[in-house]
N, C-alpha and C. Protein backbone atom coordinates (compact mmCIF):
# COMPACT_ATOMS: atom_id res chain seq x y z
N UNK A 1 194.02 144.92 75.02
CA UNK A 1 195.04 143.96 75.91
C UNK A 1 194.98 142.79 75.21
N UNK A 2 196.05 141.94 75.10
CA UNK A 2 196.25 140.64 74.75
C UNK A 2 195.86 139.64 75.68
N UNK A 3 195.15 138.55 75.38
CA UNK A 3 194.61 137.63 76.43
C UNK A 3 195.75 137.33 77.38
N UNK A 4 196.85 136.89 76.96
CA UNK A 4 197.84 136.49 77.87
C UNK A 4 198.19 137.59 78.99
N UNK A 5 198.09 138.84 78.62
CA UNK A 5 198.28 139.88 79.43
C UNK A 5 197.30 140.04 80.56
N UNK A 6 196.09 139.95 79.98
CA UNK A 6 194.81 139.89 80.80
C UNK A 6 194.80 138.91 81.87
N UNK A 7 195.20 137.49 81.33
CA UNK A 7 195.36 136.46 82.15
C UNK A 7 196.49 136.71 83.33
N UNK A 8 197.58 137.35 82.98
CA UNK A 8 198.58 137.57 84.02
C UNK A 8 197.98 138.57 85.05
N UNK A 9 197.35 139.53 84.62
CA UNK A 9 196.71 140.48 85.82
C UNK A 9 195.74 139.77 86.53
N UNK A 10 194.92 139.01 85.85
CA UNK A 10 193.92 138.20 86.73
C UNK A 10 194.61 137.28 87.66
N UNK A 11 195.72 136.70 87.29
CA UNK A 11 196.41 135.74 88.09
C UNK A 11 197.06 136.36 89.27
N UNK A 12 197.73 137.60 88.96
CA UNK A 12 198.51 138.37 89.86
C UNK A 12 197.66 138.86 90.91
N UNK A 13 196.45 139.21 90.80
CA UNK A 13 195.52 139.69 91.62
C UNK A 13 194.99 138.69 92.69
N UNK A 14 194.96 137.45 92.24
CA UNK A 14 194.73 136.37 93.15
C UNK A 14 195.80 135.69 93.94
N UNK A 15 196.98 136.02 93.15
CA UNK A 15 197.99 135.38 93.90
C UNK A 15 198.62 136.29 94.91
N UNK A 16 198.24 137.65 95.01
CA UNK A 16 198.63 138.61 95.92
C UNK A 16 198.60 138.20 97.38
N UNK A 17 197.29 137.70 97.52
CA UNK A 17 197.25 137.27 99.18
C UNK A 17 198.16 136.32 99.57
N UNK A 18 198.55 135.36 98.78
CA UNK A 18 199.37 134.17 99.13
C UNK A 18 200.84 134.79 99.25
N UNK A 19 201.28 135.67 98.40
CA UNK A 19 202.54 136.22 98.65
C UNK A 19 202.52 137.19 99.80
N UNK A 20 201.46 137.87 99.85
CA UNK A 20 201.56 138.92 101.16
C UNK A 20 201.48 138.04 102.28
N UNK A 21 201.07 137.08 102.47
CA UNK A 21 200.98 136.32 103.77
C UNK A 21 202.44 135.93 104.04
N UNK A 22 203.26 135.45 103.10
CA UNK A 22 204.59 135.11 103.17
C UNK A 22 205.36 136.36 103.77
N UNK A 23 205.14 137.56 103.06
CA UNK A 23 205.88 138.76 103.40
C UNK A 23 205.61 139.12 104.68
N UNK A 24 204.44 138.97 105.23
CA UNK A 24 203.91 139.35 106.70
C UNK A 24 204.72 138.51 107.52
N UNK A 25 204.58 137.19 107.42
CA UNK A 25 205.39 136.26 108.28
C UNK A 25 207.03 136.60 108.24
N UNK A 26 207.48 136.99 107.04
CA UNK A 26 208.92 137.30 107.00
C UNK A 26 209.17 138.56 107.94
N UNK A 27 208.29 139.53 107.74
CA UNK A 27 208.58 140.76 108.53
C UNK A 27 208.46 140.62 109.92
N UNK A 28 207.35 139.76 110.15
CA UNK A 28 207.23 139.41 111.69
C UNK A 28 208.22 138.64 112.42
N UNK A 29 209.16 137.94 111.54
CA UNK A 29 210.04 137.17 112.31
C UNK A 29 211.41 137.83 112.31
N UNK A 30 211.41 139.00 111.63
CA UNK A 30 212.71 139.71 111.48
C UNK A 30 213.22 140.27 112.85
N UNK A 31 214.57 140.22 113.06
CA UNK A 31 215.07 140.88 114.29
C UNK A 31 214.67 142.36 114.46
N UNK A 32 214.17 142.70 115.60
CA UNK A 32 213.80 143.99 115.90
C UNK A 32 212.17 144.24 115.46
N UNK A 33 211.62 143.28 114.93
CA UNK A 33 210.29 143.46 114.34
C UNK A 33 209.22 143.94 115.57
N UNK A 34 208.51 144.93 115.01
CA UNK A 34 207.56 145.78 116.04
C UNK A 34 206.53 144.72 116.54
N UNK A 35 206.02 143.91 115.61
CA UNK A 35 205.00 143.07 115.89
C UNK A 35 205.53 141.66 116.40
N UNK A 36 204.61 140.94 117.23
CA UNK A 36 205.13 139.74 117.80
C UNK A 36 205.19 138.64 116.55
N UNK A 37 206.41 137.95 116.59
CA UNK A 37 206.51 136.83 115.59
C UNK A 37 205.32 135.86 115.61
N UNK A 38 205.24 135.21 114.37
CA UNK A 38 204.21 134.23 114.43
C UNK A 38 204.76 133.03 115.33
N UNK A 39 203.81 132.11 115.65
CA UNK A 39 204.19 130.94 116.51
C UNK A 39 205.21 130.22 115.91
N UNK A 40 206.59 129.94 116.67
CA UNK A 40 207.51 129.25 116.00
C UNK A 40 207.85 128.06 116.86
N UNK A 41 206.79 127.83 117.93
CA UNK A 41 207.07 126.51 118.63
C UNK A 41 207.24 125.09 118.00
N UNK A 42 206.60 125.19 116.90
CA UNK A 42 206.84 123.92 116.17
C UNK A 42 207.80 123.89 115.02
N UNK A 43 208.60 124.90 115.23
CA UNK A 43 209.82 124.94 114.13
C UNK A 43 211.00 124.32 114.72
N UNK A 44 211.76 123.73 113.76
CA UNK A 44 213.35 123.33 114.26
C UNK A 44 213.97 124.58 114.92
N UNK A 45 214.96 124.29 115.69
CA UNK A 45 215.82 125.31 116.32
C UNK A 45 217.15 125.57 115.55
N UNK A 46 217.14 124.81 114.26
CA UNK A 46 218.29 124.90 113.43
C UNK A 46 218.26 126.29 112.59
N UNK A 47 219.18 126.84 112.07
CA UNK A 47 219.05 128.05 111.18
C UNK A 47 218.02 127.88 110.29
N UNK A 48 217.82 126.87 109.52
CA UNK A 48 216.85 126.70 108.59
C UNK A 48 216.05 125.54 109.14
N UNK A 49 214.68 125.95 109.22
CA UNK A 49 213.65 124.86 109.61
C UNK A 49 213.56 123.92 108.22
N UNK A 50 214.04 122.56 108.74
CA UNK A 50 214.12 121.46 107.58
C UNK A 50 212.69 121.17 107.26
N UNK A 51 211.82 121.33 108.01
CA UNK A 51 210.33 120.87 107.74
C UNK A 51 209.91 121.78 106.52
N UNK A 52 210.44 123.08 106.47
CA UNK A 52 210.03 123.74 105.13
C UNK A 52 210.60 123.19 103.96
N UNK A 53 211.85 122.80 104.00
CA UNK A 53 212.44 122.11 102.83
C UNK A 53 211.94 120.93 102.37
N UNK A 54 211.46 120.14 103.46
CA UNK A 54 210.55 118.89 103.06
C UNK A 54 209.21 119.20 102.46
N UNK A 55 208.76 120.23 102.65
CA UNK A 55 207.52 120.64 101.77
C UNK A 55 207.93 120.86 100.26
N UNK A 56 209.17 121.69 100.17
CA UNK A 56 209.66 121.77 99.00
C UNK A 56 209.86 120.45 98.26
N UNK A 57 210.53 119.55 98.88
CA UNK A 57 210.82 118.17 98.28
C UNK A 57 209.64 117.59 97.93
N UNK A 58 208.59 117.60 98.70
CA UNK A 58 207.26 116.88 98.15
C UNK A 58 206.67 117.61 96.80
N UNK A 59 206.86 119.05 96.96
CA UNK A 59 206.21 119.81 95.76
C UNK A 59 207.11 119.52 94.60
N UNK A 60 208.26 119.46 94.75
CA UNK A 60 209.05 119.32 93.47
C UNK A 60 208.84 117.86 92.80
N UNK A 61 208.63 116.72 93.60
CA UNK A 61 208.45 115.43 92.93
C UNK A 61 206.96 115.30 92.38
N UNK A 62 206.18 115.99 93.22
CA UNK A 62 204.77 115.97 92.58
C UNK A 62 204.59 116.55 91.32
N UNK A 63 205.12 117.75 91.17
CA UNK A 63 205.22 118.44 89.84
C UNK A 63 205.77 117.73 88.80
N UNK A 64 206.99 117.15 89.07
CA UNK A 64 207.60 116.39 88.27
C UNK A 64 206.82 115.13 87.72
N UNK A 65 206.16 114.47 88.62
CA UNK A 65 205.25 113.25 88.25
C UNK A 65 204.17 113.81 87.43
N UNK A 66 203.41 114.77 87.73
CA UNK A 66 202.32 115.24 87.12
C UNK A 66 202.78 115.65 85.70
N UNK A 67 203.73 116.35 85.41
CA UNK A 67 204.14 116.88 84.02
C UNK A 67 204.30 115.52 83.21
N UNK A 68 205.15 114.73 83.75
CA UNK A 68 205.34 113.31 83.14
C UNK A 68 204.14 112.65 82.75
N UNK A 69 203.29 112.54 83.78
CA UNK A 69 202.00 111.90 83.59
C UNK A 69 201.00 112.41 82.21
N UNK A 70 201.35 113.88 82.27
CA UNK A 70 200.55 114.57 81.17
C UNK A 70 201.07 114.27 79.75
N UNK A 71 202.31 113.93 79.57
CA UNK A 71 202.89 113.84 78.40
C UNK A 71 202.13 112.75 77.37
N UNK A 72 202.16 111.69 77.68
CA UNK A 72 201.43 110.72 76.81
C UNK A 72 200.17 111.20 76.14
N UNK A 73 199.43 111.90 77.05
CA UNK A 73 197.91 112.27 76.42
C UNK A 73 197.77 113.76 75.93
N UNK A 74 199.06 114.28 75.80
CA UNK A 74 199.16 115.64 75.18
C UNK A 74 199.48 115.58 73.63
N UNK A 75 198.70 115.99 72.99
CA UNK A 75 198.80 115.72 71.45
C UNK A 75 199.76 116.76 70.76
N UNK A 76 199.93 117.93 71.25
CA UNK A 76 200.63 118.99 70.88
C UNK A 76 202.12 118.78 71.10
N UNK A 77 203.03 118.75 70.02
CA UNK A 77 204.29 118.36 70.31
C UNK A 77 205.02 119.50 71.18
N UNK A 78 204.67 120.85 70.81
CA UNK A 78 205.40 121.86 71.80
C UNK A 78 205.15 121.70 73.34
N UNK A 79 203.87 121.42 73.44
CA UNK A 79 203.30 121.31 74.82
C UNK A 79 203.78 119.93 75.46
N UNK A 80 203.85 118.98 74.62
CA UNK A 80 204.46 117.81 75.19
C UNK A 80 205.92 117.83 75.61
N UNK A 81 206.60 118.65 74.73
CA UNK A 81 208.04 118.87 75.12
C UNK A 81 208.26 119.87 76.22
N UNK A 82 207.36 120.70 76.44
CA UNK A 82 207.33 121.77 77.61
C UNK A 82 207.12 120.88 78.89
N UNK A 83 206.11 120.03 78.84
CA UNK A 83 206.07 119.18 80.10
C UNK A 83 207.19 118.25 80.34
N UNK A 84 207.86 117.71 79.35
CA UNK A 84 209.12 117.00 79.48
C UNK A 84 210.06 117.82 80.15
N UNK A 85 210.23 118.99 79.66
CA UNK A 85 211.25 119.94 80.39
C UNK A 85 210.97 120.27 81.73
N UNK A 86 209.65 120.43 82.01
CA UNK A 86 209.23 120.60 83.40
C UNK A 86 209.48 119.42 84.23
N UNK A 87 209.02 118.16 83.77
CA UNK A 87 209.36 117.20 84.54
C UNK A 87 210.71 116.86 84.86
N UNK A 88 211.69 117.10 84.05
CA UNK A 88 213.05 116.89 84.22
C UNK A 88 213.58 118.03 85.04
N UNK A 89 213.20 119.30 84.77
CA UNK A 89 213.82 120.25 85.84
C UNK A 89 213.35 120.05 87.34
N UNK A 90 212.14 119.59 87.39
CA UNK A 90 211.48 119.46 88.79
C UNK A 90 212.03 118.42 89.62
N UNK A 91 212.52 117.43 88.60
CA UNK A 91 213.41 116.12 89.29
C UNK A 91 214.69 116.76 89.63
N UNK A 92 215.26 117.64 88.91
CA UNK A 92 216.42 118.10 89.40
C UNK A 92 216.42 119.02 90.59
N UNK A 93 215.36 119.70 90.63
CA UNK A 93 215.13 120.50 92.08
C UNK A 93 214.88 119.43 93.06
N UNK A 94 214.11 118.49 92.99
CA UNK A 94 214.11 117.42 94.08
C UNK A 94 215.59 117.00 94.45
N UNK A 95 216.40 116.60 93.61
CA UNK A 95 217.79 116.13 94.01
C UNK A 95 218.63 117.33 94.58
N UNK A 96 218.42 118.60 94.33
CA UNK A 96 218.99 119.69 94.90
C UNK A 96 218.62 119.91 96.36
N UNK A 97 217.05 119.80 96.53
CA UNK A 97 216.67 119.91 97.87
C UNK A 97 217.03 118.74 98.68
N UNK A 98 217.01 117.60 98.26
CA UNK A 98 217.46 116.34 98.87
C UNK A 98 218.88 116.31 99.24
N UNK A 99 219.71 116.92 98.44
CA UNK A 99 221.17 117.02 98.93
C UNK A 99 221.34 117.91 100.07
N UNK A 100 220.53 119.11 100.03
CA UNK A 100 220.70 119.92 101.00
C UNK A 100 220.05 119.59 102.30
N UNK A 101 219.06 118.77 102.24
CA UNK A 101 218.50 118.17 103.53
C UNK A 101 219.50 117.20 104.03
N UNK A 102 220.17 116.47 103.27
CA UNK A 102 221.13 115.53 103.57
C UNK A 102 222.32 116.12 104.35
N UNK A 103 222.80 117.37 103.64
CA UNK A 103 223.82 118.19 104.39
C UNK A 103 223.40 118.72 105.84
N UNK A 104 222.06 118.89 105.95
CA UNK A 104 221.59 119.42 107.10
C UNK A 104 221.19 118.29 108.17
N UNK A 105 221.85 116.99 107.82
CA UNK A 105 221.63 115.93 108.67
C UNK A 105 220.29 115.27 108.54
N UNK A 106 219.45 115.36 107.57
CA UNK A 106 218.16 114.88 107.52
C UNK A 106 218.32 113.38 106.87
N UNK A 107 217.46 112.53 107.32
CA UNK A 107 217.49 111.14 106.71
C UNK A 107 216.18 110.93 105.83
N UNK A 108 216.39 111.01 104.55
CA UNK A 108 215.22 110.91 103.50
C UNK A 108 214.79 109.42 103.27
N UNK A 109 215.43 108.45 103.83
CA UNK A 109 215.07 107.07 103.58
C UNK A 109 213.41 106.90 103.90
N UNK A 110 212.86 106.36 102.78
CA UNK A 110 211.46 106.00 102.83
C UNK A 110 210.56 107.33 102.68
N UNK A 111 211.05 108.42 102.26
CA UNK A 111 210.46 109.59 101.97
C UNK A 111 209.30 109.48 100.89
N UNK A 112 208.18 109.91 101.11
CA UNK A 112 207.05 109.92 100.13
C UNK A 112 206.21 111.02 100.29
N UNK A 113 205.85 111.88 99.18
CA UNK A 113 205.03 112.78 99.13
C UNK A 113 203.58 112.62 99.43
N UNK A 114 202.94 113.27 100.39
CA UNK A 114 201.45 112.97 100.52
C UNK A 114 200.63 113.42 99.46
N UNK A 115 199.52 112.76 99.14
CA UNK A 115 198.74 113.41 98.14
C UNK A 115 197.87 114.56 98.84
N UNK A 116 197.41 115.39 97.91
CA UNK A 116 196.56 116.50 98.43
C UNK A 116 195.52 116.97 97.38
N UNK A 117 194.55 117.94 97.85
CA UNK A 117 193.54 118.32 97.05
C UNK A 117 194.00 118.89 95.61
N UNK A 118 195.19 119.67 95.75
CA UNK A 118 195.69 120.38 94.55
C UNK A 118 196.02 119.47 93.51
N UNK A 119 196.87 118.47 93.91
CA UNK A 119 197.32 117.58 92.82
C UNK A 119 196.43 116.72 92.47
N UNK A 120 195.28 116.37 93.23
CA UNK A 120 194.00 115.54 92.77
C UNK A 120 193.26 116.33 91.80
N UNK A 121 193.25 117.66 92.10
CA UNK A 121 192.51 118.42 90.86
C UNK A 121 193.40 118.60 89.53
N UNK A 122 194.60 118.75 89.82
CA UNK A 122 195.45 118.80 88.67
C UNK A 122 195.38 117.47 87.84
N UNK A 123 195.58 116.46 88.41
CA UNK A 123 195.57 115.09 87.70
C UNK A 123 194.13 114.85 86.86
N UNK A 124 193.12 115.62 87.35
CA UNK A 124 191.78 115.34 86.59
C UNK A 124 191.72 116.22 85.48
N UNK A 125 192.74 117.18 85.05
CA UNK A 125 192.61 118.05 83.83
C UNK A 125 192.90 117.23 82.58
N UNK A 126 192.12 117.53 81.63
CA UNK A 126 192.41 116.67 80.46
C UNK A 126 192.61 117.57 79.07
N UNK A 127 192.47 118.73 79.24
CA UNK A 127 192.63 119.47 77.96
C UNK A 127 194.06 120.24 78.00
N UNK A 128 194.52 120.62 76.76
CA UNK A 128 195.71 121.22 76.74
C UNK A 128 195.72 122.60 77.40
N UNK A 129 194.73 123.30 77.17
CA UNK A 129 194.63 124.62 77.75
C UNK A 129 194.48 124.62 79.24
N UNK A 130 193.78 123.81 79.82
CA UNK A 130 193.69 123.46 81.26
C UNK A 130 195.06 123.18 81.75
N UNK A 131 195.72 122.19 81.23
CA UNK A 131 196.95 121.78 81.67
C UNK A 131 198.13 122.87 81.78
N UNK A 132 198.08 123.60 80.74
CA UNK A 132 199.14 124.63 80.37
C UNK A 132 198.86 125.73 81.45
N UNK A 133 197.71 126.14 81.53
CA UNK A 133 197.14 127.17 82.36
C UNK A 133 197.51 126.90 83.89
N UNK A 134 197.17 125.60 84.37
CA UNK A 134 197.51 125.04 85.63
C UNK A 134 198.86 124.92 85.96
N UNK A 135 199.54 123.93 85.18
CA UNK A 135 200.96 123.51 85.50
C UNK A 135 202.13 124.39 85.13
N UNK A 136 202.04 125.09 84.04
CA UNK A 136 203.06 125.90 83.58
C UNK A 136 202.72 127.43 83.97
N UNK A 137 201.73 127.94 83.78
CA UNK A 137 201.46 129.33 84.17
C UNK A 137 201.34 129.30 85.58
N UNK A 138 200.36 128.79 86.11
CA UNK A 138 199.90 129.32 87.62
C UNK A 138 200.73 128.43 88.61
N UNK A 139 200.98 127.17 88.58
CA UNK A 139 202.00 126.54 89.55
C UNK A 139 203.25 127.28 89.57
N UNK A 140 203.87 127.59 88.33
CA UNK A 140 205.13 128.16 88.54
C UNK A 140 205.13 129.61 88.84
N UNK A 141 204.01 130.36 88.58
CA UNK A 141 203.95 131.76 89.27
C UNK A 141 203.82 131.60 90.73
N UNK A 142 203.06 130.76 91.31
CA UNK A 142 203.11 130.55 92.69
C UNK A 142 204.42 130.14 93.18
N UNK A 143 205.18 129.29 92.51
CA UNK A 143 206.27 128.83 93.07
C UNK A 143 207.41 129.90 93.09
N UNK A 144 207.39 130.75 91.91
CA UNK A 144 208.43 131.68 91.97
C UNK A 144 208.25 132.88 93.03
N UNK A 145 206.97 133.19 93.14
CA UNK A 145 206.72 134.41 94.26
C UNK A 145 207.07 133.66 95.53
N UNK A 146 206.44 132.50 95.89
CA UNK A 146 206.73 132.15 97.31
C UNK A 146 208.19 131.78 97.68
N UNK A 147 208.94 131.13 96.49
CA UNK A 147 210.32 130.93 96.72
C UNK A 147 211.20 132.16 97.05
N UNK A 148 210.74 133.32 96.33
CA UNK A 148 211.39 134.77 96.73
C UNK A 148 211.20 134.99 98.25
N UNK A 149 209.97 134.73 98.80
CA UNK A 149 209.83 134.97 100.27
C UNK A 149 210.89 133.99 101.09
N UNK A 150 210.78 132.76 100.54
CA UNK A 150 211.58 131.74 101.26
C UNK A 150 213.14 131.92 101.27
N UNK A 151 213.59 132.55 100.03
CA UNK A 151 214.93 132.95 99.93
C UNK A 151 215.30 134.02 101.04
N UNK A 152 214.39 134.95 101.01
CA UNK A 152 214.52 136.03 102.03
C UNK A 152 214.60 135.60 103.46
N UNK A 153 213.73 134.42 103.74
CA UNK A 153 213.68 133.95 104.95
C UNK A 153 215.04 133.05 105.30
N UNK A 154 215.44 132.28 104.33
CA UNK A 154 216.97 131.75 104.54
C UNK A 154 217.88 132.60 104.82
N UNK A 155 218.00 133.84 104.14
CA UNK A 155 219.03 134.79 104.40
C UNK A 155 218.98 135.52 105.80
N UNK A 156 217.69 135.54 106.03
CA UNK A 156 217.37 136.26 107.30
C UNK A 156 217.78 135.33 108.53
N UNK A 157 217.75 133.88 108.17
CA UNK A 157 218.22 133.02 109.33
C UNK A 157 219.66 132.64 109.12
N UNK A 158 220.41 133.23 108.03
CA UNK A 158 221.72 132.97 108.07
C UNK A 158 222.04 131.76 107.15
N UNK A 159 221.20 130.99 106.52
CA UNK A 159 221.43 129.93 105.64
C UNK A 159 221.69 130.44 104.09
N UNK A 160 222.82 130.98 103.90
CA UNK A 160 223.21 131.37 102.64
C UNK A 160 223.24 130.32 101.52
N UNK A 161 223.52 129.07 101.88
CA UNK A 161 223.54 127.98 100.99
C UNK A 161 222.24 127.80 100.32
N UNK A 162 221.36 127.60 101.21
CA UNK A 162 219.98 127.23 100.56
C UNK A 162 219.57 128.30 99.66
N UNK A 163 219.63 129.45 100.20
CA UNK A 163 219.30 130.77 99.32
C UNK A 163 220.18 130.70 97.95
N UNK A 164 221.34 130.54 98.07
CA UNK A 164 222.18 130.33 96.83
C UNK A 164 221.69 129.25 95.76
N UNK A 165 221.38 128.06 96.42
CA UNK A 165 220.72 127.03 95.74
C UNK A 165 219.51 127.62 94.80
N UNK A 166 218.55 128.09 95.57
CA UNK A 166 217.21 128.61 94.94
C UNK A 166 217.57 129.70 93.98
N UNK A 167 218.38 130.61 94.17
CA UNK A 167 218.69 131.76 93.33
C UNK A 167 219.34 131.31 92.09
N UNK A 168 220.34 130.46 92.19
CA UNK A 168 221.19 130.01 91.14
C UNK A 168 220.49 128.93 90.23
N UNK A 169 219.73 128.03 90.73
CA UNK A 169 219.32 126.91 90.01
C UNK A 169 217.76 126.82 90.00
N UNK A 170 217.15 127.02 90.98
CA UNK A 170 215.58 126.70 90.95
C UNK A 170 214.91 127.80 90.21
N UNK A 171 214.98 129.19 90.92
CA UNK A 171 214.22 130.24 90.36
C UNK A 171 214.37 130.43 88.82
N UNK A 172 215.56 130.41 88.21
CA UNK A 172 215.53 130.58 86.91
C UNK A 172 214.70 129.44 86.05
N UNK A 173 214.78 128.25 86.71
CA UNK A 173 213.90 127.39 86.00
C UNK A 173 212.40 127.58 86.02
N UNK A 174 211.90 128.12 87.25
CA UNK A 174 210.66 128.21 87.49
C UNK A 174 210.23 129.46 86.72
N UNK A 175 210.92 130.46 86.38
CA UNK A 175 210.72 131.61 85.53
C UNK A 175 210.53 131.24 84.20
N UNK A 176 211.51 130.25 83.70
CA UNK A 176 211.37 129.78 82.36
C UNK A 176 210.07 128.89 82.10
N UNK A 177 209.75 128.21 82.95
CA UNK A 177 208.58 127.37 82.69
C UNK A 177 207.26 128.27 82.80
N UNK A 178 207.27 129.21 83.69
CA UNK A 178 206.17 130.17 83.57
C UNK A 178 206.18 131.02 82.17
N UNK A 179 207.23 131.51 81.70
CA UNK A 179 207.26 132.20 80.44
C UNK A 179 206.94 131.24 79.27
N UNK A 180 207.34 130.10 79.29
CA UNK A 180 206.93 129.00 78.21
C UNK A 180 205.34 128.74 78.24
N UNK A 181 204.86 128.72 79.61
CA UNK A 181 203.45 128.61 79.73
C UNK A 181 202.71 129.69 79.00
N UNK A 182 203.09 130.95 79.23
CA UNK A 182 202.53 132.23 78.79
C UNK A 182 202.58 132.15 77.26
N UNK A 183 203.61 131.65 76.70
CA UNK A 183 203.75 131.59 75.16
C UNK A 183 202.70 130.59 74.57
N UNK A 184 202.65 129.38 75.36
CA UNK A 184 201.73 128.23 74.90
C UNK A 184 200.16 128.62 75.15
N UNK A 185 200.12 129.27 76.16
CA UNK A 185 198.48 129.88 76.37
C UNK A 185 198.32 130.64 75.25
N UNK A 186 199.03 131.91 74.89
CA UNK A 186 198.89 132.70 73.74
C UNK A 186 198.55 132.02 72.41
N UNK A 187 199.28 130.89 72.24
CA UNK A 187 199.09 130.04 71.12
C UNK A 187 197.77 129.30 71.00
N UNK A 188 197.44 128.64 72.16
CA UNK A 188 196.43 127.64 72.16
C UNK A 188 195.02 128.24 72.64
N UNK A 189 195.06 129.19 73.65
CA UNK A 189 193.73 129.66 74.19
C UNK A 189 193.49 131.02 73.23
N UNK A 190 192.69 130.53 72.12
CA UNK A 190 192.46 131.61 71.20
C UNK A 190 190.87 131.84 70.95
N UNK A 191 190.07 130.89 71.32
CA UNK A 191 188.76 131.21 71.27
C UNK A 191 188.22 131.74 72.55
N UNK A 192 186.95 132.35 72.77
CA UNK A 192 186.42 132.78 73.88
C UNK A 192 186.24 131.70 74.81
N UNK A 193 185.82 130.55 74.41
CA UNK A 193 185.67 129.28 75.13
C UNK A 193 186.97 128.85 75.80
N UNK A 194 187.78 128.82 75.05
CA UNK A 194 189.26 128.38 75.48
C UNK A 194 189.76 129.52 76.44
N UNK A 195 189.52 130.67 76.26
CA UNK A 195 190.15 131.66 77.09
C UNK A 195 189.41 131.59 78.40
N UNK A 196 188.20 131.52 78.48
CA UNK A 196 187.22 131.36 79.69
C UNK A 196 187.82 129.98 80.41
N UNK A 197 188.03 129.06 79.77
CA UNK A 197 188.62 127.76 80.53
C UNK A 197 189.93 127.91 81.10
N UNK A 198 190.76 128.64 80.46
CA UNK A 198 192.10 128.99 80.95
C UNK A 198 191.97 129.86 82.21
N UNK A 199 191.02 130.85 82.23
CA UNK A 199 190.76 131.75 83.45
C UNK A 199 190.20 131.10 84.57
N UNK A 200 189.26 130.09 84.23
CA UNK A 200 188.68 129.38 85.40
C UNK A 200 189.68 128.32 85.91
N UNK A 201 190.52 127.89 85.17
CA UNK A 201 191.56 127.09 85.60
C UNK A 201 192.56 127.84 86.57
N UNK A 202 192.98 128.89 86.15
CA UNK A 202 193.91 129.69 87.09
C UNK A 202 193.19 129.99 88.30
N UNK A 203 191.94 130.43 88.14
CA UNK A 203 191.15 130.85 89.56
C UNK A 203 191.25 129.64 90.38
N UNK A 204 190.94 128.41 89.85
CA UNK A 204 190.62 127.21 90.66
C UNK A 204 192.02 126.89 91.31
N UNK A 205 193.16 126.77 90.64
CA UNK A 205 194.36 126.47 91.01
C UNK A 205 194.64 127.32 92.25
N UNK A 206 194.51 128.41 92.09
CA UNK A 206 194.88 129.41 93.29
C UNK A 206 194.08 129.41 94.33
N UNK A 207 192.79 129.11 94.06
CA UNK A 207 191.72 128.88 95.24
C UNK A 207 192.24 127.62 96.27
N UNK A 208 192.52 126.61 95.54
CA UNK A 208 193.00 125.38 96.24
C UNK A 208 194.27 125.59 96.90
N UNK A 209 195.18 126.19 96.12
CA UNK A 209 196.49 126.48 96.58
C UNK A 209 196.62 127.26 97.95
N UNK A 210 195.74 128.37 97.60
CA UNK A 210 195.48 129.48 98.86
C UNK A 210 194.98 128.62 100.15
N UNK A 211 194.04 127.81 100.18
CA UNK A 211 193.50 126.98 101.14
C UNK A 211 194.60 126.11 101.82
N UNK A 212 195.16 125.39 100.92
CA UNK A 212 196.26 124.48 101.35
C UNK A 212 197.48 125.11 102.01
N UNK A 213 197.89 126.30 101.36
CA UNK A 213 198.97 127.11 102.09
C UNK A 213 198.52 127.61 103.54
N UNK A 214 197.26 128.18 103.46
CA UNK A 214 196.77 128.60 104.97
C UNK A 214 196.77 127.67 106.00
N UNK A 215 196.31 126.31 105.49
CA UNK A 215 196.37 125.14 106.46
C UNK A 215 197.87 124.85 106.98
N UNK A 216 198.73 124.77 105.94
CA UNK A 216 200.12 124.40 106.15
C UNK A 216 200.61 125.57 107.00
N UNK A 217 200.39 126.80 106.85
CA UNK A 217 200.97 128.02 107.71
C UNK A 217 200.46 127.80 109.13
N UNK A 218 199.26 127.38 109.35
CA UNK A 218 198.81 127.03 110.65
C UNK A 218 199.50 125.91 111.39
N UNK A 219 199.71 125.02 110.75
CA UNK A 219 200.46 123.84 111.26
C UNK A 219 201.93 124.08 111.38
N UNK A 220 202.50 124.85 110.51
CA UNK A 220 204.12 125.02 110.67
C UNK A 220 204.22 126.25 111.51
N UNK A 221 203.31 127.29 111.76
CA UNK A 221 203.82 128.36 112.43
C UNK A 221 204.27 129.53 111.52
N UNK A 222 204.39 129.41 110.12
CA UNK A 222 204.81 130.55 109.29
C UNK A 222 204.07 130.17 108.06
N UNK A 223 203.90 131.42 107.14
CA UNK A 223 203.25 131.30 105.94
C UNK A 223 204.54 131.37 104.95
N UNK A 224 205.71 131.45 105.32
CA UNK A 224 206.97 131.78 104.56
C UNK A 224 207.63 130.40 104.24
N UNK A 225 207.09 129.57 103.15
CA UNK A 225 207.75 128.25 102.88
C UNK A 225 207.50 128.15 101.42
N UNK A 226 208.54 127.30 100.87
CA UNK A 226 208.57 127.19 99.44
C UNK A 226 207.64 126.61 98.65
N UNK A 227 207.61 126.78 97.16
CA UNK A 227 206.75 126.03 96.34
C UNK A 227 207.48 125.18 95.48
N UNK A 228 206.84 124.78 94.28
CA UNK A 228 207.69 123.65 93.52
C UNK A 228 208.76 124.34 92.60
């Protein structure tokens, strides 16, 4: 088995609980669900809880800033350009989400994304293999998976416009970023040490992200919210 395929299986196994939590929350909130829904007392009464989109807004700008910050200290030109593409695309996602929030009556003046342990860890990464494994391979896999759950939630709540924005614009970009990351990992994680570093980075990102999403779910009353 090629290392990139091995890494994908390793990642999928550790990502499954995150995605499963979102699917469980989605099913429990469905009309006619047999199980009691998760606590929604802290959610908006609008068709789409705008606090969930504000999480997306923070994620998008943080990933854009991270990828841009990595560019000057990344020597490999193809990786530098991949981060440039990611930074630009995520900034575009920020604008799409911000426009949608504006259409839902939200005032974003003074918006600032709070720092968190995941992005503190990501900013500490210095090698190309670590950065690709974290930023392009793992963050984008998380984003694509949790966004699929979020799209289903939007459709369940009757918000076809937010679902359309994610399906038409955001998800194709996330998928391309992830696929590009896989290509770059196959190219640059060639030695046993580099491959172990990639594996450890994937595991650490998913460990931190899992804890962060569990904490956010407890605060929001649902595990079904978007990623970057």
